[in-house]
PDB file of all heavy atoms in Angstrom:
ATOM      1  N   LYS A   1       9.796 -11.433   9.983  1.00  0.00           N
ATOM      2  CA  LYS A   1      10.757 -10.556   9.288  1.00  0.00           C
ATOM      3  C   LYS A   1      10.139  -9.194   8.954  1.00  0.00           C
ATOM      4  O   LYS A   1      10.901  -8.243   8.712  1.00  0.00           O
ATOM      5  CB  LYS A   1      11.242 -11.235   7.983  1.00  0.00           C
ATOM      6  CG  LYS A   1      12.042 -12.511   8.199  1.00  0.00           C
ATOM      7  CD  LYS A   1      13.294 -12.239   9.054  1.00  0.00           C
ATOM      8  CE  LYS A   1      14.072 -13.521   9.281  1.00  0.00           C
ATOM      9  NZ  LYS A   1      15.213 -13.277  10.237  1.00  0.00           N
ATOM     10  N   LEU A   2       8.836  -9.138   8.902  1.00  0.00           N
ATOM     11  CA  LEU A   2       8.146  -7.859   8.560  1.00  0.00           C
ATOM     12  C   LEU A   2       7.026  -7.654   9.548  1.00  0.00           C
ATOM     13  O   LEU A   2       6.060  -8.415   9.584  1.00  0.00           O
ATOM     14  CB  LEU A   2       7.612  -7.941   7.141  1.00  0.00           C
ATOM     15  CG  LEU A   2       7.141  -6.607   6.526  1.00  0.00           C
ATOM     16  CD1 LEU A   2       8.300  -5.716   6.191  1.00  0.00           C
ATOM     17  CD2 LEU A   2       6.329  -6.890   5.280  1.00  0.00           C
ATOM     18  N   GLY A   3       7.186  -6.619  10.396  1.00  0.00           N
ATOM     19  CA  GLY A   3       6.139  -6.288  11.331  1.00  0.00           C
ATOM     20  C   GLY A   3       5.198  -5.277  10.768  1.00  0.00           C
ATOM     21  O   GLY A   3       5.175  -5.023   9.547  1.00  0.00           O
ATOM     22  N   PRO A   4       4.357  -4.618  11.596  1.00  0.00           N
ATOM     23  CA  PRO A   4       3.458  -3.596  11.127  1.00  0.00           C
ATOM     24  C   PRO A   4       4.223  -2.317  10.792  1.00  0.00           C
ATOM     25  O   PRO A   4       5.377  -2.128  11.213  1.00  0.00           O
ATOM     26  CB  PRO A   4       2.513  -3.388  12.294  1.00  0.00           C
ATOM     27  CG  PRO A   4       3.359  -3.712  13.472  1.00  0.00           C
ATOM     28  CD  PRO A   4       4.268  -4.823  13.035  1.00  0.00           C
ATOM     29  N   VAL A   5       3.576  -1.403  10.076  1.00  0.00           N
ATOM     30  CA  VAL A   5       4.101  -0.039  10.004  1.00  0.00           C
ATOM     31  C   VAL A   5       3.753   0.659  11.297  1.00  0.00           C
ATOM     32  O   VAL A   5       2.936   0.167  12.098  1.00  0.00           O
ATOM     33  CB  VAL A   5       3.590   0.723   8.776  1.00  0.00           C
ATOM     34  CG1 VAL A   5       4.129   0.055   7.515  1.00  0.00           C
ATOM     35  CG2 VAL A   5       2.094   0.852   8.743  1.00  0.00           C
ATOM     36  N   ALA A   6       4.325   1.834  11.563  1.00  0.00           N
ATOM     37  CA  ALA A   6       4.342   2.364  12.922  1.00  0.00           C
ATOM     38  C   ALA A   6       3.073   2.974  13.404  1.00  0.00           C
ATOM     39  O   ALA A   6       2.840   3.035  14.623  1.00  0.00           O
ATOM     40  CB  ALA A   6       5.456   3.396  13.019  1.00  0.00           C
ATOM     41  N   ASN A   7       2.161   3.378  12.516  1.00  0.00           N
ATOM     42  CA  ASN A   7       0.970   4.043  13.002  1.00  0.00           C
ATOM     43  C   ASN A   7      -0.121   4.053  11.933  1.00  0.00           C
ATOM     44  O   ASN A   7       0.130   3.739  10.768  1.00  0.00           O
ATOM     45  CB  ASN A   7       1.291   5.482  13.462  1.00  0.00           C
ATOM     46  CG  ASN A   7       1.939   6.295  12.361  1.00  0.00           C
ATOM     47  OD1 ASN A   7       1.272   6.782  11.433  1.00  0.00           O
ATOM     48  ND2 ASN A   7       3.271   6.443  12.401  1.00  0.00           N
ATOM     49  N   GLU A   8      -1.321   4.395  12.346  1.00  0.00           N
ATOM     50  CA  GLU A   8      -2.484   4.362  11.431  1.00  0.00           C
ATOM     51  C   GLU A   8      -2.319   5.343  10.279  1.00  0.00           C
ATOM     52  O   GLU A   8      -2.699   5.040   9.139  1.00  0.00           O
ATOM     53  CB  GLU A   8      -3.737   4.665  12.206  1.00  0.00           C
ATOM     54  CG  GLU A   8      -5.014   4.539  11.380  1.00  0.00           C
ATOM     55  CD  GLU A   8      -6.268   4.721  12.179  1.00  0.00           C
ATOM     56  OE1 GLU A   8      -6.170   5.248  13.286  1.00  0.00           O
ATOM     57  OE2 GLU A   8      -7.350   4.348  11.665  1.00  0.00           O
ATOM     58  N   THR A   9      -1.768   6.537  10.558  1.00  0.00           N
ATOM     59  CA  THR A   9      -1.572   7.509   9.518  1.00  0.00           C
ATOM     60  C   THR A   9      -0.682   6.957   8.408  1.00  0.00           C
ATOM     61  O   THR A   9      -0.965   7.139   7.225  1.00  0.00           O
ATOM     62  CB  THR A   9      -0.949   8.804  10.102  1.00  0.00           C
ATOM     63  OG1 THR A   9      -1.851   9.363  11.080  1.00  0.00           O
ATOM     64  CG2 THR A   9      -0.687   9.807   9.014  1.00  0.00           C
ATOM     65  N   GLN A  10       0.391   6.287   8.821  1.00  0.00           N
ATOM     66  CA  GLN A  10       1.340   5.713   7.843  1.00  0.00           C
ATOM     67  C   GLN A  10       0.622   4.588   7.049  1.00  0.00           C
ATOM     68  O   GLN A  10       0.784   4.489   5.819  1.00  0.00           O
ATOM     69  CB  GLN A  10       2.560   5.173   8.578  1.00  0.00           C
ATOM     70  CG  GLN A  10       3.714   4.814   7.689  1.00  0.00           C
ATOM     71  CD  GLN A  10       4.228   6.038   6.975  1.00  0.00           C
ATOM     72  OE1 GLN A  10       4.094   7.181   7.415  1.00  0.00           O
ATOM     73  NE2 GLN A  10       4.850   5.828   5.827  1.00  0.00           N
ATOM     74  N   PHE A  11      -0.144   3.758   7.729  1.00  0.00           N
ATOM     75  CA  PHE A  11      -0.878   2.686   7.062  1.00  0.00           C
ATOM     76  C   PHE A  11      -1.821   3.232   5.984  1.00  0.00           C
ATOM     77  O   PHE A  11      -1.837   2.777   4.849  1.00  0.00           O
ATOM     78  CB  PHE A  11      -1.680   1.870   8.096  1.00  0.00           C
ATOM     79  CG  PHE A  11      -2.525   0.806   7.499  1.00  0.00           C
ATOM     80  CD1 PHE A  11      -2.027  -0.449   7.225  1.00  0.00           C
ATOM     81  CD2 PHE A  11      -3.874   1.040   7.196  1.00  0.00           C
ATOM     82  CE1 PHE A  11      -2.809  -1.468   6.670  1.00  0.00           C
ATOM     83  CE2 PHE A  11      -4.678   0.061   6.641  1.00  0.00           C
ATOM     84  CZ  PHE A  11      -4.128  -1.201   6.376  1.00  0.00           C
ATOM     85  N   THR A  12      -2.552   4.273   6.348  1.00  0.00           N
ATOM     86  CA  THR A  12      -3.518   4.870   5.418  1.00  0.00           C
ATOM     87  C   THR A  12      -2.783   5.484   4.218  1.00  0.00           C
ATOM     88  O   THR A  12      -3.227   5.341   3.061  1.00  0.00           O
ATOM     89  CB  THR A  12      -4.352   5.959   6.127  1.00  0.00           C
ATOM     90  OG1 THR A  12      -5.035   5.321   7.225  1.00  0.00           O
ATOM     91  CG2 THR A  12      -5.334   6.572   5.187  1.00  0.00           C
ATOM     92  N   LYS A  13      -1.675   6.165   4.502  1.00  0.00           N
ATOM     93  CA  LYS A  13      -0.922   6.794   3.387  1.00  0.00           C
ATOM     94  C   LYS A  13      -0.400   5.764   2.413  1.00  0.00           C
ATOM     95  O   LYS A  13      -0.463   5.966   1.202  1.00  0.00           O
ATOM     96  CB  LYS A  13       0.232   7.583   3.995  1.00  0.00           C
ATOM     97  CG  LYS A  13       1.025   8.400   2.957  1.00  0.00           C
ATOM     98  CD  LYS A  13       2.116   9.217   3.593  1.00  0.00           C
ATOM     99  CE  LYS A  13       3.420   8.509   3.433  1.00  0.00           C
ATOM    100  NZ  LYS A  13       4.626   9.319   3.835  1.00  0.00           N
ATOM    101  N   ILE A  14       0.068   4.628   2.898  1.00  0.00           N
ATOM    102  CA  ILE A  14       0.626   3.585   2.066  1.00  0.00           C
ATOM    103  C   ILE A  14      -0.520   3.011   1.187  1.00  0.00           C
ATOM    104  O   ILE A  14      -0.295   2.768  -0.007  1.00  0.00           O
ATOM    105  CB  ILE A  14       1.300   2.490   2.882  1.00  0.00           C
ATOM    106  CG1 ILE A  14       2.535   3.042   3.550  1.00  0.00           C
ATOM    107  CG2 ILE A  14       1.685   1.293   2.006  1.00  0.00           C
ATOM    108  CD1 ILE A  14       3.047   2.167   4.695  1.00  0.00           C
ATOM    109  N   GLN A  15      -1.688   2.812   1.741  1.00  0.00           N
ATOM    110  CA  GLN A  15      -2.813   2.288   0.989  1.00  0.00           C
ATOM    111  C   GLN A  15      -3.184   3.269  -0.123  1.00  0.00           C
ATOM    112  O   GLN A  15      -3.532   2.855  -1.239  1.00  0.00           O
ATOM    113  CB  GLN A  15      -4.013   2.076   1.910  1.00  0.00           C
ATOM    114  CG  GLN A  15      -3.793   1.076   3.025  1.00  0.00           C
ATOM    115  CD  GLN A  15      -3.334  -0.290   2.545  1.00  0.00           C
ATOM    116  OE1 GLN A  15      -3.955  -0.837   1.606  1.00  0.00           O
ATOM    117  NE2 GLN A  15      -2.321  -0.836   3.137  1.00  0.00           N
ATOM    118  N   GLN A  16      -3.075   4.549   0.138  1.00  0.00           N
ATOM    119  CA  GLN A  16      -3.389   5.555  -0.909  1.00  0.00           C
ATOM    120  C   GLN A  16      -2.344   5.516  -2.011  1.00  0.00           C
ATOM    121  O   GLN A  16      -2.698   5.678  -3.174  1.00  0.00           O
ATOM    122  CB  GLN A  16      -3.422   6.938  -0.269  1.00  0.00           C
ATOM    123  CG  GLN A  16      -4.624   7.147   0.683  1.00  0.00           C
ATOM    124  CD  GLN A  16      -4.548   8.437   1.504  1.00  0.00           C
ATOM    125  OE1 GLN A  16      -3.468   9.038   1.615  1.00  0.00           O
ATOM    126  NE2 GLN A  16      -5.646   8.771   2.118  1.00  0.00           N
ATOM    127  N   PHE A  17      -1.098   5.267  -1.678  1.00  0.00           N
ATOM    128  CA  PHE A  17      -0.061   5.164  -2.730  1.00  0.00           C
ATOM    129  C   PHE A  17      -0.291   3.935  -3.578  1.00  0.00           C
ATOM    130  O   PHE A  17      -0.101   3.974  -4.786  1.00  0.00           O
ATOM    131  CB  PHE A  17       1.321   5.117  -2.065  1.00  0.00           C
ATOM    132  CG  PHE A  17       1.955   6.459  -1.805  1.00  0.00           C
ATOM    133  CD1 PHE A  17       2.237   6.872  -0.541  1.00  0.00           C
ATOM    134  CD2 PHE A  17       2.246   7.287  -2.888  1.00  0.00           C
ATOM    135  CE1 PHE A  17       2.788   8.099  -0.286  1.00  0.00           C
ATOM    136  CE2 PHE A  17       2.794   8.542  -2.641  1.00  0.00           C
ATOM    137  CZ  PHE A  17       3.092   8.973  -1.321  1.00  0.00           C
ATOM    138  N   ILE A  18      -0.659   2.814  -2.937  1.00  0.00           N
ATOM    139  CA  ILE A  18      -0.942   1.597  -3.715  1.00  0.00           C
ATOM    140  C   ILE A  18      -2.102   1.829  -4.658  1.00  0.00           C
ATOM    141  O   ILE A  18      -2.052   1.424  -5.865  1.00  0.00           O
ATOM    142  CB  ILE A  18      -1.233   0.426  -2.750  1.00  0.00           C
ATOM    143  CG1 ILE A  18       0.057   0.053  -1.991  1.00  0.00           C
ATOM    144  CG2 ILE A  18      -1.756  -0.780  -3.518  1.00  0.00           C
ATOM    145  CD1 ILE A  18      -0.154  -0.985  -0.876  1.00  0.00           C
ATOM    146  N   GLU A  19      -3.115   2.529  -4.227  1.00  0.00           N
ATOM    147  CA  GLU A  19      -4.242   2.876  -5.086  1.00  0.00           C
ATOM    148  C   GLU A  19      -3.800   3.762  -6.211  1.00  0.00           C
ATOM    149  O   GLU A  19      -4.217   3.586  -7.395  1.00  0.00           O
ATOM    150  CB  GLU A  19      -5.333   3.534  -4.267  1.00  0.00           C
ATOM    151  CG  GLU A  19      -6.577   3.870  -5.083  1.00  0.00           C
ATOM    152  CD  GLU A  19      -7.657   4.549  -4.239  1.00  0.00           C
ATOM    153  OE1 GLU A  19      -7.595   4.464  -2.989  1.00  0.00           O
ATOM    154  OE2 GLU A  19      -8.552   5.160  -4.821  1.00  0.00           O
ATOM    155  N   ALA A  20      -2.913   4.718  -5.917  1.00  0.00           N
ATOM    156  CA  ALA A  20      -2.435   5.640  -6.964  1.00  0.00           C
ATOM    157  C   ALA A  20      -1.634   4.873  -8.029  1.00  0.00           C
ATOM    158  O   ALA A  20      -1.724   5.169  -9.203  1.00  0.00           O
ATOM    159  CB  ALA A  20      -1.586   6.723  -6.325  1.00  0.00           C
ATOM    160  N   GLY A  21      -0.832   3.876  -7.592  1.00  0.00           N
ATOM    161  CA  GLY A  21      -0.043   3.114  -8.501  1.00  0.00           C
ATOM    162  C   GLY A  21      -0.927   2.393  -9.513  1.00  0.00           C
ATOM    163  O   GLY A  21      -0.659   2.436 -10.723  1.00  0.00           O
ATOM    164  N   THR A  22      -1.985   1.732  -9.047  1.00  0.00           N
ATOM    165  CA  THR A  22      -2.843   0.990  -9.969  1.00  0.00           C
ATOM    166  C   THR A  22      -3.615   1.972 -10.871  1.00  0.00           C
ATOM    167  O   THR A  22      -3.841   1.698 -12.048  1.00  0.00           O
ATOM    168  CB  THR A  22      -3.809   0.097  -9.187  1.00  0.00           C
ATOM    169  OG1 THR A  22      -4.556   0.887  -8.225  1.00  0.00           O
ATOM    170  CG2 THR A  22      -3.040  -1.001  -8.455  1.00  0.00           C
ATOM    171  N   SER A  23      -4.081   3.073 -10.324  1.00  0.00           N
ATOM    172  CA  SER A  23      -4.859   4.018 -11.119  1.00  0.00           C
ATOM    173  C   SER A  23      -4.029   4.698 -12.188  1.00  0.00           C
ATOM    174  O   SER A  23      -4.572   5.092 -13.230  1.00  0.00           O
ATOM    175  CB  SER A  23      -5.498   5.088 -10.200  1.00  0.00           C
ATOM    176  OG  SER A  23      -4.513   5.916  -9.629  1.00  0.00           O
ATOM    177  N   GLU A  24      -2.732   4.781 -12.000  1.00  0.00           N
ATOM    178  CA  GLU A  24      -1.847   5.377 -13.001  1.00  0.00           C
ATOM    179  C   GLU A  24      -1.305   4.359 -14.008  1.00  0.00           C
ATOM    180  O   GLU A  24      -0.510   4.712 -14.867  1.00  0.00           O
ATOM    181  CB  GLU A  24      -0.718   6.154 -12.329  1.00  0.00           C
ATOM    182  CG  GLU A  24      -1.196   7.389 -11.574  1.00  0.00           C
ATOM    183  CD  GLU A  24      -0.067   8.146 -10.875  1.00  0.00           C
ATOM    184  OE1 GLU A  24       1.116   7.923 -11.226  1.00  0.00           O
ATOM    185  OE2 GLU A  24      -0.358   8.998 -10.003  1.00  0.00           O
ATOM    186  N   GLY A  25      -1.686   3.104 -13.852  1.00  0.00           N
ATOM    187  CA  GLY A  25      -1.307   2.082 -14.870  1.00  0.00           C
ATOM    188  C   GLY A  25      -0.222   1.132 -14.474  1.00  0.00           C
ATOM    189  O   GLY A  25       0.153   0.299 -15.304  1.00  0.00           O
ATOM    190  N   ALA A  26       0.313   1.215 -13.239  1.00  0.00           N
ATOM    191  CA  ALA A  26       1.298   0.232 -12.811  1.00  0.00           C
ATOM    192  C   ALA A  26       0.608  -1.107 -12.499  1.00  0.00           C
ATOM    193  O   ALA A  26      -0.598  -1.131 -12.180  1.00  0.00           O
ATOM    194  CB  ALA A  26       2.072   0.731 -11.606  1.00  0.00           C
ATOM    195  N   ARG A  27       1.346  -2.176 -12.582  1.00  0.00           N
ATOM    196  CA  ARG A  27       0.800  -3.481 -12.371  1.00  0.00           C
ATOM    197  C   ARG A  27       1.320  -4.117 -11.096  1.00  0.00           C
ATOM    198  O   ARG A  27       2.521  -4.172 -10.871  1.00  0.00           O
ATOM    199  CB  ARG A  27       1.195  -4.386 -13.580  1.00  0.00           C
ATOM    200  CG  ARG A  27       0.783  -5.843 -13.516  1.00  0.00           C
ATOM    201  CD  ARG A  27       0.895  -6.539 -14.856  1.00  0.00           C
ATOM    202  NE  ARG A  27       2.255  -6.354 -15.436  1.00  0.00           N
ATOM    203  CZ  ARG A  27       3.220  -7.261 -15.362  1.00  0.00           C
ATOM    204  NH1 ARG A  27       2.997  -8.418 -14.759  1.00  0.00           N
ATOM    205  NH2 ARG A  27       4.388  -7.019 -15.975  1.00  0.00           N
ATOM    206  N   ILE A  28       0.399  -4.576 -10.244  1.00  0.00           N
ATOM    207  CA  ILE A  28       0.811  -5.216  -8.970  1.00  0.00           C
ATOM    208  C   ILE A  28       1.239  -6.653  -9.277  1.00  0.00           C
ATOM    209  O   ILE A  28       0.441  -7.464  -9.785  1.00  0.00           O
ATOM    210  CB  ILE A  28      -0.333  -5.212  -7.966  1.00  0.00           C
ATOM    211  CG1 ILE A  28      -0.652  -3.765  -7.540  1.00  0.00           C
ATOM    212  CG2 ILE A  28       0.013  -6.037  -6.741  1.00  0.00           C
ATOM    213  CD1 ILE A  28      -1.829  -3.662  -6.581  1.00  0.00           C
ATOM    214  N   LEU A  29       2.502  -6.971  -8.958  1.00  0.00           N
ATOM    215  CA  LEU A  29       2.996  -8.314  -9.103  1.00  0.00           C
ATOM    216  C   LEU A  29       2.687  -9.188  -7.890  1.00  0.00           C
ATOM    217  O   LEU A  29       2.449 -10.380  -8.022  1.00  0.00           O
ATOM    218  CB  LEU A  29       4.494  -8.295  -9.342  1.00  0.00           C
ATOM    219  CG  LEU A  29       5.001  -7.657 -10.618  1.00  0.00           C
ATOM    220  CD1 LEU A  29       6.529  -7.618 -10.632  1.00  0.00           C
ATOM    221  CD2 LEU A  29       4.436  -8.389 -11.862  1.00  0.00           C
ATOM    222  N   THR A  30       2.732  -8.585  -6.719  1.00  0.00           N
ATOM    223  CA  THR A  30       2.419  -9.301  -5.494  1.00  0.00           C
ATOM    224  C   THR A  30       2.045  -8.230  -4.461  1.00  0.00           C
ATOM    225  O   THR A  30       2.415  -7.116  -4.531  1.00  0.00           O
ATOM    226  CB  THR A  30       3.596 -10.141  -5.002  1.00  0.00           C
ATOM    227  OG1 THR A  30       3.183 -10.956  -3.882  1.00  0.00           O
ATOM    228  CG2 THR A  30       4.772  -9.321  -4.571  1.00  0.00           C
ATOM    229  N   GLY A  31       1.245  -8.685  -3.454  1.00  0.00           N
ATOM    230  CA  GLY A  31       0.815  -7.732  -2.437  1.00  0.00           C
ATOM    231  C   GLY A  31      -0.415  -6.997  -2.853  1.00  0.00           C
ATOM    232  O   GLY A  31      -1.338  -7.561  -3.391  1.00  0.00           O
ATOM    233  N   GLY A  32      -0.441  -5.669  -2.607  1.00  0.00           N
ATOM    234  CA  GLY A  32      -1.605  -4.863  -2.961  1.00  0.00           C
ATOM    235  C   GLY A  32      -2.255  -4.264  -1.764  1.00  0.00           C
ATOM    236  O   GLY A  32      -1.703  -4.259  -0.659  1.00  0.00           O
ATOM    237  N   PRO A  33      -3.481  -3.791  -1.924  1.00  0.00           N
ATOM    238  CA  PRO A  33      -4.154  -3.104  -0.817  1.00  0.00           C
ATOM    239  C   PRO A  33      -4.619  -4.014   0.308  1.00  0.00           C
ATOM    240  O   PRO A  33      -4.727  -5.230   0.094  1.00  0.00           O
ATOM    241  CB  PRO A  33      -5.389  -2.456  -1.511  1.00  0.00           C
ATOM    242  CG  PRO A  33      -5.631  -3.304  -2.713  1.00  0.00           C
ATOM    243  CD  PRO A  33      -4.287  -3.761  -3.180  1.00  0.00           C
ATOM    244  N   GLY A  34      -4.839  -3.427   1.456  1.00  0.00           N
ATOM    245  CA  GLY A  34      -5.322  -4.202   2.581  1.00  0.00           C
ATOM    246  C   GLY A  34      -4.268  -4.881   3.402  1.00  0.00           C
ATOM    247  O   GLY A  34      -3.089  -4.793   3.113  1.00  0.00           O
ATOM    248  N   ARG A  35      -4.698  -5.574   4.442  1.00  0.00           N
ATOM    249  CA  ARG A  35      -3.781  -6.310   5.298  1.00  0.00           C
ATOM    250  C   ARG A  35      -3.455  -7.687   4.734  1.00  0.00           C
ATOM    251  O   ARG A  35      -4.257  -8.238   3.990  1.00  0.00           O
ATOM    252  CB  ARG A  35      -4.384  -6.478   6.703  1.00  0.00           C
ATOM    253  CG  ARG A  35      -4.544  -5.184   7.500  1.00  0.00           C
ATOM    254  CD  ARG A  35      -5.203  -5.471   8.863  1.00  0.00           C
ATOM    255  NE  ARG A  35      -5.229  -4.300   9.723  1.00  0.00           N
ATOM    256  CZ  ARG A  35      -6.226  -3.406   9.673  1.00  0.00           C
ATOM    257  NH1 ARG A  35      -7.212  -3.540   8.822  1.00  0.00           N
ATOM    258  NH2 ARG A  35      -6.187  -2.359  10.497  1.00  0.00           N
TER     259      ARG A  35
END
């Protein structure tokens, strides 16, 4: 139901957003960084 994102640039950008979310105080309920 969920494949990869389309390219490496997009993958890296999403990882940076996830890091920004935790650093700004949001709480990860499920998922998170990495594959």
